[in-house]
Protein backbone atom coordinates (compact mmCIF):
# COMPACT_ATOMS: atom_id res chain seq x y z
CA UNK A 1 70.37 -5.39 -38.54
CA UNK A 2 71.70 -5.85 -35.03
CA UNK A 3 75.73 -6.71 -34.75
CA UNK A 4 77.89 -7.94 -32.06
CA UNK A 5 81.62 -7.06 -31.92
CA UNK A 6 84.30 -9.62 -30.87
CA UNK A 7 87.51 -7.75 -29.91
CA UNK A 8 90.96 -9.21 -30.54
CA UNK A 9 91.76 -11.88 -28.10
CA UNK A 10 88.09 -12.29 -27.02
CA UNK A 11 85.91 -15.23 -27.06
CA UNK A 12 82.69 -15.61 -29.10
CA UNK A 13 79.53 -15.76 -27.03
CA UNK A 14 76.74 -17.96 -28.04
CA UNK A 15 73.43 -16.62 -27.02
CA UNK A 16 71.20 -19.68 -27.88
CA UNK A 17 71.58 -23.48 -27.59
CA UNK A 18 70.55 -25.89 -30.15
CA UNK A 19 70.06 -29.62 -29.26
CA UNK A 20 72.90 -30.44 -26.93
CA UNK A 21 73.65 -34.36 -27.31
CA UNK A 22 76.22 -36.55 -25.34
CA UNK A 23 76.22 -34.33 -22.40
CA UNK A 24 78.35 -31.39 -23.83
CA UNK A 25 77.47 -28.40 -21.60
CA UNK A 26 76.80 -24.87 -22.57
CA UNK A 27 74.99 -22.23 -20.91
CA UNK A 28 73.22 -19.68 -23.30
CA UNK A 29 74.76 -16.44 -23.57
CA UNK A 30 78.14 -17.78 -22.38
CA UNK A 31 81.44 -18.48 -24.31
CA UNK A 32 82.30 -21.75 -23.06
CA UNK A 33 81.49 -25.42 -23.75
CA UNK A 34 82.72 -28.35 -21.96
CA UNK A 35 82.86 -32.00 -23.09
CA UNK A 36 81.96 -34.82 -20.74
CA UNK A 37 84.32 -37.70 -22.08
CA UNK A 38 87.84 -38.10 -23.10
CA UNK A 39 88.11 -38.82 -26.96
CA UNK A 40 88.70 -37.37 -30.44
CA UNK A 41 86.00 -34.55 -31.18
CA UNK A 42 85.16 -33.00 -34.48
CA UNK A 43 84.40 -29.24 -34.11
CA UNK A 44 82.79 -27.32 -36.74
CA UNK A 45 82.36 -23.50 -36.44
CA UNK A 46 80.78 -20.87 -38.93
CA UNK A 47 80.58 -17.06 -38.47
CA UNK A 48 78.74 -14.37 -40.29
CA UNK A 49 80.76 -11.35 -40.27
CA UNK A 50 80.14 -7.72 -41.22
CA UNK A 51 83.74 -6.46 -40.58
CA UNK A 52 87.00 -8.03 -39.50
CA UNK A 53 89.21 -8.62 -42.35
CA UNK A 54 92.78 -9.46 -41.00
CA UNK A 55 91.28 -11.05 -37.81
CA UNK A 56 91.79 -14.92 -37.25
CA UNK A 57 89.48 -17.47 -35.66
CA UNK A 58 90.73 -20.31 -33.43
CA UNK A 59 89.61 -23.04 -31.26
CA UNK A 60 91.04 -22.62 -27.44
CA UNK A 61 90.99 -25.61 -25.24
CA UNK A 62 91.26 -24.68 -21.47
CA UNK A 63 92.18 -21.15 -22.31
CA UNK A 64 95.04 -22.12 -24.83
CA UNK A 65 94.56 -21.65 -28.64
CA UNK A 66 95.28 -24.87 -30.51
CA UNK A 67 97.73 -23.67 -33.24
CA UNK A 68 96.36 -26.18 -35.86
CA UNK A 69 92.92 -24.51 -35.61
CA UNK A 70 93.87 -20.96 -36.67
CA UNK A 71 91.75 -19.76 -39.68
CA UNK A 72 92.66 -16.23 -41.19
CA UNK A 73 89.58 -14.12 -42.04
CA UNK A 74 90.33 -12.93 -45.60
CA UNK A 75 86.89 -11.43 -46.23
CA UNK A 76 85.48 -8.15 -45.23
CA UNK A 77 81.98 -9.38 -45.00
CA UNK A 78 80.57 -12.92 -45.39
CA UNK A 79 81.04 -16.36 -43.94
CA UNK A 80 83.97 -17.66 -42.24
CA UNK A 81 84.37 -21.36 -41.12
CA UNK A 82 86.55 -24.02 -39.90
CA UNK A 83 86.73 -27.59 -38.72
CA UNK A 84 89.16 -29.36 -36.43
CA UNK A 85 89.55 -32.79 -35.08
CA UNK A 86 90.99 -32.56 -31.59
CA UNK A 87 92.02 -35.18 -28.77
CA UNK A 88 90.16 -33.75 -25.78
CA UNK A 89 90.11 -34.87 -22.07
CA UNK A 90 86.94 -35.33 -19.99
CA UNK A 91 85.93 -31.71 -18.74
CA UNK A 92 88.02 -29.76 -21.26
CA UNK A 93 86.60 -26.41 -22.05
CA UNK A 94 86.26 -25.08 -25.43
CA UNK A 95 85.85 -21.69 -26.75
CA UNK A 96 85.90 -20.00 -30.18
CA UNK A 97 88.39 -17.09 -29.93
CA UNK A 98 89.27 -14.12 -32.15
CA UNK A 99 92.99 -14.92 -31.98
CA UNK A 100 94.11 -11.53 -33.36
CA UNK A 101 94.30 -7.85 -32.43
CA UNK A 102 91.76 -7.11 -35.19
CA UNK A 103 88.19 -6.95 -33.75
CA UNK A 104 85.45 -8.56 -35.88
CA UNK A 105 81.92 -7.96 -36.07
CA UNK A 106 79.08 -10.78 -36.38
CA UNK A 107 75.84 -9.94 -38.18
CA UNK A 108 73.06 -11.17 -35.82
CA UNK A 109 69.66 -10.33 -36.91
CA UNK A 110 67.70 -11.92 -38.54
CA UNK A 111 70.40 -14.48 -39.02
CA UNK A 112 72.66 -16.47 -37.05
CA UNK A 113 76.03 -14.54 -36.01
CA UNK A 114 77.90 -17.81 -35.03
CA UNK A 115 77.41 -21.51 -35.12
CA UNK A 116 79.61 -24.23 -33.14
CA UNK A 117 79.05 -28.07 -33.53
CA UNK A 118 81.02 -30.38 -31.13
CA UNK A 119 80.61 -34.02 -31.98
CA UNK A 120 82.68 -36.77 -30.36
CA UNK A 121 83.76 -39.22 -33.17
CA UNK A 122 86.02 -41.78 -31.23
């Protein structure tokens, strides 16, 4: 099984794209997503980790972690997920960040190491 490390303070890279609706922009292999319109967005994420207990995941907007989105990683292996509703401006850049000094390891192959869904709800 292939794995990928995400060091403390680093953003999670997303190697592939699923369907991109509503002009959300992401380049495969990069860490950033941008939203086209101002509004309220629902952001769901899920990680499959093989190491990283004590780390914390959060959503960063334009490079700044939104404190309402921090989820502490309390499992040594398994799934970690979070959901947040954020009021975003047109062109805001979203990343999923390891908001700790503890590195975590994503299990990649044959499954999915990380998923992120951004949906404009209002």
